[in-house]
Amino acid sequence: MSQLSRKRPERNDRHRAGSGISIRVITGLSAAESTWREFEKTADRTVFQAYDWLLEWNNHVGKKREILPVIVIGLGPDGEPLILMPLAIEKRWLLRRLVWLGSDLCDYNAPLLARRFSACVPPERFGWFWREIIRTIRADPALRFEVVDLHRMPERVGAQQNPFLTLPVVSTTFGAHVATLATNWNEFYSSKRSAQDRKTDRRKMRNLAEYGELRFVDVRQRIDVEQTMETLIRQKQESYARMRVEDIFRRSGHREFFMAVTANPRLGDIVHVSRLDAGTEQVATGLGLNFQNRYHLLLSGYEDGEIARCSPGRMHLHGLMQYAIERNCREFDFTIGDEPYKLEWSDIHLKLFDYFEGATVGGRLIVANKIATRRANLFICQRPALRRPLSKLRSLMMVLGVRA
């Protein structure tokens, strides 16, 4: 049994970092629950730092992978939280990494920040503060790690600059895309789609209606949510097979995680399941998150075959954006990925960043290699003539069962 898998009590250690700030390091989620739940009500954060989102990830994915949550809380002189970092230690082969908790199923990874954080810890002081956090974590022999490996960090967290961007971060090879919504659907739709495109959409809508009455369904009933999610997962798996890309639902715990977050009553105001019905058939489905006037589209699927010629996925997307506008959302976030259809609708490109740091001699060698590889990937991604053949090579390797 690995060191991370041994059952150890949750710890709640405190270290004085200077300038009136103290650092608490909590191993486990339950010991941080009350502070976290209260703090997330007012903190600047992304939707993915909700306690219940990461709790479900830990229950269904993290524990199976023997990942140890390491929750870091920075407290001001008044004892109130200034920052909460949902971190974790993950052991992969012989390497122990400090990562964001739930990183693989969070499109944006970031700390939760008190609205006064930037005033209390100005950008020029965050590097020093981060050094104190690293020292505090590694002071516990059970929490020692070789590499800091923090992925998909946005430039801003709520109204504040993400303090991690004051560290020597590197750009990801992909971004995220957001559409600024109008006050009504027709205005927004007309501004994004040409007259010819709208004519094509109307024709496809008529063709789709031949399969049965079209209805955009805001799925709410528990049994209906579960059944719609099963359809969505099947549609996504069929899509992954067609595209010859990795099926995320084959990863341990991922299916269970998505079923759990849609069933968690504490996430009921955030998690949104929808679908487009043509008669009795669910021709397109989706899972999104509605948070602070921004709708985040996480997963969407549609039926393949002859009906795909009618673009049910596009028609469902139209219904989703109309749904978001009617609920006073100001932005529609397509989340990570640079698929062409996202660019058609979006006017905001979100850059994302990773941070790598070696905590040991071996860790520094690994980080140097990761940064060199990242720079090479960025060079290739900026040159389509190189990107296309390499993409075909990766697809061929996947078909042959070789992991790129």
Protein backbone atom coordinates (compact mmCIF):
# COMPACT_ATOMS: atom_id res chain seq x y z
CA MET A 1 0.00 0.00 0.00
CA SER A 2 1.39 3.41 -0.97
CA GLN A 3 2.02 6.12 1.58
CA LEU A 4 -0.89 8.19 0.28
CA SER A 5 -3.31 5.28 0.60
CA ARG A 6 -2.67 4.67 4.28
CA LYS A 7 -5.60 5.86 6.35
CA ARG A 8 -4.39 8.88 8.27
CA PRO A 9 -6.41 11.34 10.36
CA GLU A 10 -7.24 14.66 8.84
CA ARG A 11 -4.80 17.26 10.08
CA ASN A 12 -5.28 20.93 10.70
CA ASP A 13 -1.86 22.57 11.19
CA ARG A 14 -1.25 26.30 11.54
CA HIS A 15 1.89 28.25 10.70
CA ARG A 16 2.52 31.97 11.16
CA ALA A 17 3.65 33.40 7.82
CA GLY A 18 4.40 36.95 8.92
CA SER A 19 2.62 40.22 8.13
CA GLY A 20 -0.21 39.06 10.35
CA ILE A 21 -1.12 36.19 8.03
CA SER A 22 -1.27 32.63 9.30
CA ILE A 23 -1.38 29.49 7.15
CA ARG A 24 -3.51 26.48 7.95
CA VAL A 25 -2.85 23.21 6.12
CA ILE A 26 -5.73 20.75 6.33
CA THR A 27 -5.39 17.21 5.00
CA GLY A 28 -8.89 16.09 4.07
CA LEU A 29 -12.11 17.83 3.19
CA SER A 30 -14.37 17.41 6.23
CA ALA A 31 -12.11 19.44 8.54
CA ALA A 32 -12.26 22.36 6.09
CA GLU A 33 -15.97 22.05 5.28
CA SER A 34 -17.50 24.67 7.53
CA THR A 35 -14.88 27.31 6.71
CA TRP A 36 -15.01 26.52 3.00
CA ARG A 37 -18.80 26.56 2.72
CA GLU A 38 -19.04 29.91 4.49
CA PHE A 39 -16.13 31.43 2.55
CA GLU A 40 -17.40 30.41 -0.89
CA LYS A 41 -20.58 32.47 -0.33
CA THR A 42 -18.63 35.73 -0.66
CA ALA A 43 -15.23 34.82 -2.12
CA ASP A 44 -14.09 35.54 -5.64
CA ARG A 45 -13.84 32.13 -7.33
CA THR A 46 -14.86 30.12 -10.35
CA VAL A 47 -17.78 27.72 -10.32
CA PHE A 48 -15.41 24.76 -10.08
CA GLN A 49 -14.24 25.68 -6.57
CA ALA A 50 -17.62 24.90 -4.99
CA TYR A 51 -17.09 22.60 -2.01
CA ASP A 52 -19.68 20.10 -3.20
CA TRP A 53 -18.23 19.88 -6.72
CA LEU A 54 -14.82 18.93 -5.33
CA LEU A 55 -16.34 16.74 -2.62
CA GLU A 56 -18.03 14.61 -5.28
CA TRP A 57 -14.80 14.49 -7.26
CA ASN A 58 -12.91 13.34 -4.18
CA ASN A 59 -15.52 10.70 -3.33
CA HIS A 60 -15.71 9.20 -6.81
CA VAL A 61 -12.32 9.89 -8.39
CA GLY A 62 -9.76 11.11 -5.89
CA LYS A 63 -10.11 8.30 -3.37
CA LYS A 64 -9.84 5.66 -6.09
CA ARG A 65 -6.59 7.25 -7.24
CA GLU A 66 -5.30 7.57 -3.66
CA ILE A 67 -5.04 11.36 -3.94
CA LEU A 68 -4.66 13.24 -0.66
CA PRO A 69 -6.50 16.59 -0.37
CA VAL A 70 -4.31 19.37 1.03
CA ILE A 71 -6.44 22.43 1.73
CA VAL A 72 -4.44 25.58 2.41
CA ILE A 73 -6.18 28.50 4.14
CA GLY A 74 -4.52 31.86 4.66
CA LEU A 75 -6.02 33.77 7.59
CA GLY A 76 -5.78 37.50 8.16
CA PRO A 77 -4.99 39.15 11.51
CA ASP A 78 -8.69 39.06 12.35
CA GLY A 79 -8.78 35.28 11.86
CA GLU A 80 -10.95 35.54 8.75
CA PRO A 81 -9.93 33.68 5.55
CA LEU A 82 -8.09 35.67 2.91
CA ILE A 83 -7.45 32.76 0.54
CA LEU A 84 -8.35 29.09 0.28
CA MET A 85 -6.37 26.83 -2.04
CA PRO A 86 -7.92 23.40 -2.79
CA LEU A 87 -4.70 21.49 -3.45
CA ALA A 88 -3.83 17.80 -3.33
CA ILE A 89 -0.88 15.43 -3.45
CA GLU A 90 -1.00 12.85 -6.17
CA LYS A 91 1.46 9.99 -6.57
CA ARG A 92 2.10 8.94 -10.16
CA TRP A 93 4.68 6.20 -10.52
CA LEU A 94 7.43 7.26 -8.11
CA LEU A 95 6.68 10.98 -8.39
CA ARG A 96 4.64 12.92 -5.86
CA ARG A 97 3.04 16.05 -7.29
CA LEU A 98 1.27 19.01 -5.68
CA VAL A 99 -1.77 19.63 -7.90
CA TRP A 100 -5.15 21.34 -7.84
CA LEU A 101 -7.78 19.14 -6.25
CA GLY A 102 -10.07 17.77 -8.97
CA SER A 103 -7.94 19.34 -11.69
CA ASP A 104 -8.90 16.86 -14.40
CA LEU A 105 -12.63 17.69 -14.09
CA CYS A 106 -12.32 21.43 -13.46
CA ASP A 107 -11.98 23.57 -16.57
CA TYR A 108 -10.64 26.43 -14.45
CA ASN A 109 -8.41 25.83 -11.42
CA ALA A 110 -7.85 28.67 -8.99
CA PRO A 111 -7.91 29.68 -5.33
CA LEU A 112 -10.88 31.23 -3.57
CA LEU A 113 -10.03 34.85 -2.71
CA ALA A 114 -11.48 37.21 -0.16
CA ARG A 115 -12.41 40.44 -1.88
CA ARG A 116 -9.74 42.22 0.14
CA PHE A 117 -7.04 39.66 -0.72
CA SER A 118 -5.22 41.80 -3.31
CA ALA A 119 -5.03 44.67 -0.82
CA CYS A 120 -3.71 42.41 1.94
CA VAL A 121 -1.30 40.45 -0.29
CA PRO A 122 -0.32 42.72 -3.20
CA PRO A 123 1.06 41.06 -6.35
CA GLU A 124 4.70 41.79 -5.47
CA ARG A 125 4.26 39.90 -2.17
CA PHE A 126 2.51 36.79 -3.47
CA GLY A 127 5.77 35.04 -4.46
CA TRP A 128 6.98 35.35 -0.88
CA PHE A 129 3.62 34.14 0.44
CA TRP A 130 3.73 31.13 -1.92
CA ARG A 131 7.23 30.22 -0.67
CA GLU A 132 5.85 30.18 2.89
CA ILE A 133 3.00 27.91 1.80
CA ILE A 134 5.40 25.46 0.13
CA ARG A 135 7.61 25.39 3.22
CA THR A 136 4.61 24.85 5.48
CA ILE A 137 3.29 21.92 3.45
CA ARG A 138 6.67 20.22 3.07
CA ALA A 139 7.41 20.60 6.79
CA ASP A 140 5.21 17.53 7.24
CA PRO A 141 7.23 14.49 6.03
CA ALA A 142 3.98 12.84 4.91
CA LEU A 143 3.25 15.78 2.60
CA ARG A 144 6.62 16.02 0.85
CA PHE A 145 6.45 16.22 -2.93
CA GLU A 146 8.92 16.55 -5.79
CA VAL A 147 6.97 18.71 -8.26
CA VAL A 148 4.35 21.46 -8.21
CA ASP A 149 2.08 20.83 -11.23
CA LEU A 150 -0.79 23.34 -11.38
CA HIS A 151 -2.90 23.35 -14.54
CA ARG A 152 -5.54 25.47 -16.34
CA MET A 153 -5.40 28.64 -14.28
CA PRO A 154 -7.36 31.67 -15.59
CA GLU A 155 -5.99 35.21 -15.66
CA ARG A 156 -8.65 36.49 -13.28
CA VAL A 157 -10.55 35.08 -10.30
CA GLY A 158 -13.77 37.02 -10.03
CA ALA A 159 -12.88 40.72 -9.93
CA GLN A 160 -9.23 40.12 -9.05
CA GLN A 161 -6.12 39.17 -10.94
CA ASN A 162 -5.20 35.57 -10.26
CA PRO A 163 -2.23 35.88 -7.86
CA PHE A 164 -0.61 32.76 -9.35
CA LEU A 165 0.06 34.71 -12.53
CA THR A 166 2.72 36.65 -10.63
CA LEU A 167 4.73 33.40 -10.67
CA PRO A 168 6.63 32.27 -13.81
CA VAL A 169 3.65 30.54 -15.44
CA VAL A 170 3.53 29.13 -19.00
CA SER A 171 0.64 29.35 -21.44
CA THR A 172 -1.48 26.31 -22.22
CA THR A 173 -1.76 25.13 -25.81
CA PHE A 174 -5.51 25.83 -25.73
CA GLY A 175 -7.82 28.46 -24.34
CA ALA A 176 -11.48 28.94 -23.50
CA HIS A 177 -14.11 30.99 -25.29
CA VAL A 178 -16.99 33.12 -24.01
CA ALA A 179 -19.86 34.83 -25.83
CA THR A 180 -21.22 38.11 -24.49
CA LEU A 181 -25.00 37.71 -24.60
CA ALA A 182 -27.56 40.31 -25.64
CA THR A 183 -30.78 41.13 -23.80
CA ASN A 184 -32.86 38.99 -26.15
CA TRP A 185 -32.23 35.91 -28.28
CA ASN A 186 -33.22 37.34 -31.67
CA GLU A 187 -30.85 40.26 -31.32
CA PHE A 188 -27.98 38.01 -30.28
CA TYR A 189 -28.72 35.38 -32.94
CA SER A 190 -28.91 37.94 -35.74
CA SER A 191 -25.59 39.48 -34.66
CA LYS A 192 -23.78 36.13 -34.84
CA ARG A 193 -25.33 34.34 -37.82
CA SER A 194 -25.56 35.71 -41.34
CA ALA A 195 -28.87 35.81 -43.23
CA GLN A 196 -27.77 32.77 -45.23
CA ASP A 197 -26.78 30.87 -42.06
CA ARG A 198 -30.13 31.67 -40.46
CA LYS A 199 -31.92 30.43 -43.59
CA THR A 200 -29.94 27.17 -43.39
CA ASP A 201 -30.80 26.84 -39.69
CA ARG A 202 -34.52 27.26 -40.44
CA ARG A 203 -34.36 24.56 -43.11
CA LYS A 204 -32.59 22.16 -40.77
CA MET A 205 -35.12 22.93 -38.04
CA ARG A 206 -37.98 22.04 -40.40
CA ASN A 207 -36.24 18.81 -41.38
CA LEU A 208 -35.63 17.95 -37.74
CA ALA A 209 -39.30 18.59 -36.92
CA GLU A 210 -40.23 15.81 -39.33
CA TYR A 211 -39.00 13.39 -36.66
CA GLY A 212 -41.56 14.76 -34.20
CA GLU A 213 -42.56 17.87 -32.29
CA LEU A 214 -39.44 19.80 -31.17
CA ARG A 215 -39.17 20.70 -27.50
CA PHE A 216 -36.29 22.22 -25.54
CA VAL A 217 -36.50 20.55 -22.12
CA ASP A 218 -35.17 22.08 -18.91
CA VAL A 219 -34.76 18.78 -17.08
CA ARG A 220 -35.60 18.97 -13.36
CA GLN A 221 -37.23 15.76 -12.12
CA ARG A 222 -34.76 13.39 -10.45
CA ILE A 223 -35.61 10.34 -12.57
CA ASP A 224 -35.64 12.43 -15.74
CA VAL A 225 -32.25 13.96 -14.89
CA GLU A 226 -30.72 10.53 -14.38
CA GLN A 227 -32.15 9.17 -17.61
CA THR A 228 -31.07 12.24 -19.61
CA MET A 229 -27.55 11.98 -18.18
CA GLU A 230 -27.36 8.34 -19.24
CA THR A 231 -28.33 9.42 -22.77
CA LEU A 232 -25.76 12.23 -22.72
CA ILE A 233 -22.97 9.90 -21.63
CA ARG A 234 -23.88 7.39 -24.36
CA GLN A 235 -23.97 10.13 -27.00
CA LYS A 236 -20.59 11.46 -25.85
CA GLN A 237 -19.03 8.00 -25.89
CA GLU A 238 -20.26 7.43 -29.43
CA SER A 239 -18.83 10.83 -30.41
CA TYR A 240 -15.45 10.00 -28.86
CA ALA A 241 -15.40 6.74 -30.82
CA ARG A 242 -16.19 8.54 -34.09
CA MET A 243 -13.43 11.08 -33.49
CA ARG A 244 -11.02 8.41 -32.26
CA VAL A 245 -10.17 10.34 -29.11
CA GLU A 246 -10.00 9.22 -25.51
CA ASP A 247 -13.32 8.41 -23.85
CA ILE A 248 -13.24 10.25 -20.51
CA PHE A 249 -16.03 8.05 -19.18
CA ARG A 250 -13.74 5.05 -19.29
CA ARG A 251 -11.60 6.69 -16.62
CA SER A 252 -12.25 5.37 -13.14
CA GLY A 253 -15.02 7.24 -11.36
CA HIS A 254 -15.81 9.79 -14.07
CA ARG A 255 -19.26 8.46 -14.93
CA GLU A 256 -20.10 8.21 -11.24
CA PHE A 257 -18.88 11.77 -10.64
CA PHE A 258 -21.14 13.32 -13.29
CA MET A 259 -24.13 11.32 -12.09
CA ALA A 260 -23.39 12.42 -8.51
CA VAL A 261 -23.09 16.17 -9.18
CA THR A 262 -26.43 16.16 -11.00
CA ALA A 263 -28.00 14.37 -8.01
CA ASN A 264 -26.43 16.53 -5.28
CA PRO A 265 -29.19 18.84 -3.92
CA ARG A 266 -26.61 21.41 -2.75
CA LEU A 267 -25.60 21.90 -6.39
CA GLY A 268 -29.19 22.15 -7.61
CA ASP A 269 -29.02 25.91 -8.23
CA ILE A 270 -25.83 25.55 -10.29
CA VAL A 271 -25.99 22.28 -12.23
CA HIS A 272 -28.29 22.32 -15.25
CA VAL A 273 -29.31 19.34 -17.41
CA SER A 274 -31.14 19.98 -20.68
CA ARG A 275 -32.09 18.27 -23.89
CA LEU A 276 -33.83 18.71 -27.23
CA ASP A 277 -36.63 16.24 -27.95
CA ALA A 278 -38.00 15.42 -31.38
CA GLY A 279 -41.21 13.61 -30.57
CA THR A 280 -40.25 10.90 -28.08
CA GLU A 281 -36.57 10.82 -29.05
CA GLN A 282 -33.88 12.73 -27.15
CA VAL A 283 -31.90 14.01 -30.13
CA ALA A 284 -29.46 16.24 -28.20
CA THR A 285 -28.46 16.64 -24.57
CA GLY A 286 -26.33 18.90 -22.41
CA LEU A 287 -24.84 19.51 -18.98
CA GLY A 288 -24.04 23.05 -17.88
CA LEU A 289 -23.33 25.17 -14.82
CA ASN A 290 -25.09 28.46 -14.14
CA PHE A 291 -23.00 30.66 -11.86
CA GLN A 292 -22.89 34.41 -11.28
CA ASN A 293 -24.66 35.38 -14.51
CA ARG A 294 -22.45 33.13 -16.64
CA TYR A 295 -23.64 29.88 -18.19
CA HIS A 296 -20.87 27.27 -18.57
CA LEU A 297 -21.42 24.53 -21.14
CA LEU A 298 -19.55 21.42 -19.97
CA LEU A 299 -20.86 18.50 -22.03
CA SER A 300 -23.16 18.20 -25.01
CA GLY A 301 -24.12 15.29 -27.22
CA TYR A 302 -26.43 14.42 -30.09
CA GLU A 303 -27.73 11.41 -31.96
CA ASP A 304 -25.71 10.24 -34.95
CA GLY A 305 -27.05 8.71 -38.18
CA GLU A 306 -29.49 10.27 -40.60
CA ILE A 307 -30.86 12.69 -38.02
CA ALA A 308 -27.39 14.23 -37.61
CA ARG A 309 -27.88 15.85 -41.03
CA CYS A 310 -30.43 18.11 -39.34
CA SER A 311 -27.82 19.38 -36.85
CA PRO A 312 -29.69 18.54 -33.61
CA GLY A 313 -26.64 19.58 -31.58
CA ARG A 314 -26.71 23.06 -33.11
CA MET A 315 -30.46 23.40 -32.52
CA HIS A 316 -29.98 22.37 -28.89
CA LEU A 317 -27.19 24.94 -28.52
CA HIS A 318 -29.56 27.63 -29.79
CA GLY A 319 -32.06 26.58 -27.13
CA LEU A 320 -29.40 26.67 -24.43
CA MET A 321 -28.26 30.18 -25.29
CA GLN A 322 -31.85 31.37 -25.39
CA TYR A 323 -32.39 29.70 -21.99
CA ALA A 324 -29.34 31.56 -20.61
CA ILE A 325 -30.53 34.92 -21.96
CA GLU A 326 -33.99 34.44 -20.47
CA ARG A 327 -32.35 33.87 -17.06
CA ASN A 328 -30.39 37.10 -17.31
CA CYS A 329 -27.02 35.49 -17.93
CA ARG A 330 -24.60 38.03 -19.35
CA GLU A 331 -22.12 35.50 -20.75
CA PHE A 332 -22.15 32.04 -22.29
CA ASP A 333 -18.93 30.18 -21.52
CA PHE A 334 -18.04 27.36 -23.91
CA THR A 335 -15.20 26.41 -21.48
CA ILE A 336 -11.90 24.93 -22.58
CA GLY A 337 -11.15 23.97 -26.15
CA ASP A 338 -10.70 25.82 -29.44
CA GLU A 339 -13.32 24.06 -31.58
CA PRO A 340 -14.36 26.19 -34.58
CA TYR A 341 -18.04 26.39 -33.58
CA LYS A 342 -17.05 28.16 -30.35
CA LEU A 343 -15.21 30.82 -32.30
CA GLU A 344 -18.35 31.54 -34.37
CA TRP A 345 -20.24 32.69 -31.27
CA SER A 346 -17.55 34.03 -28.95
CA ASP A 347 -16.03 37.47 -28.60
CA ILE A 348 -13.87 36.76 -25.54
CA HIS A 349 -10.83 34.48 -25.55
CA LEU A 350 -9.70 33.35 -22.10
CA LYS A 351 -6.03 32.51 -21.78
CA LEU A 352 -5.10 29.73 -19.37
CA PHE A 353 -1.79 29.07 -17.68
CA ASP A 354 0.13 26.28 -15.96
CA TYR A 355 2.73 26.56 -13.23
CA PHE A 356 5.53 24.05 -12.74
CA GLU A 357 8.05 24.05 -9.92
CA GLY A 358 10.60 21.50 -8.75
CA ALA A 359 10.89 21.04 -4.99
CA THR A 360 13.89 18.68 -5.21
CA VAL A 361 16.85 18.26 -7.55
CA GLY A 362 15.04 15.49 -9.41
CA GLY A 363 11.87 17.57 -9.48
CA ARG A 364 13.70 20.51 -11.03
CA LEU A 365 15.03 18.28 -13.83
CA ILE A 366 11.51 17.03 -14.52
CA VAL A 367 10.12 20.57 -14.56
CA ALA A 368 12.85 21.75 -16.96
CA ASN A 369 11.84 18.98 -19.36
CA LYS A 370 8.11 19.81 -19.00
CA ILE A 371 8.70 23.48 -19.74
CA ALA A 372 10.84 22.68 -22.79
CA THR A 373 8.14 20.32 -24.07
CA ARG A 374 5.44 22.93 -23.49
CA ARG A 375 7.36 25.56 -25.43
CA ALA A 376 7.80 23.12 -28.31
CA ASN A 377 4.06 22.36 -28.26
CA LEU A 378 3.22 26.06 -28.28
CA PHE A 379 5.55 26.55 -31.25
CA ILE A 380 3.74 23.78 -33.15
CA CYS A 381 0.24 24.98 -32.19
CA GLN A 382 0.97 28.41 -33.60
CA ARG A 383 1.88 26.87 -36.98
CA PRO A 384 -1.06 25.03 -38.63
CA ALA A 385 1.21 23.47 -41.27
CA LEU A 386 2.89 21.48 -38.48
CA ARG A 387 -0.20 20.97 -36.33
CA ARG A 388 -2.30 19.07 -38.87
CA PRO A 389 0.15 16.22 -39.65
CA LEU A 390 1.01 15.82 -35.98
CA SER A 391 -2.69 15.64 -35.09
CA LYS A 392 -3.13 12.87 -37.66
CA LEU A 393 -0.14 11.05 -36.18
CA ARG A 394 -1.65 11.23 -32.67
CA SER A 395 -4.96 9.87 -33.99
CA LEU A 396 -3.15 6.99 -35.68
CA MET A 397 -1.25 6.23 -32.48
CA MET A 398 -4.52 6.13 -30.54
CA VAL A 399 -6.02 3.71 -33.06
CA LEU A 400 -2.97 1.50 -32.62
CA GLY A 401 -3.31 1.71 -28.85
CA VAL A 402 -0.23 3.87 -28.31
CA ARG A 403 -0.65 6.77 -25.87
CA ALA A 404 0.79 9.97 -27.35
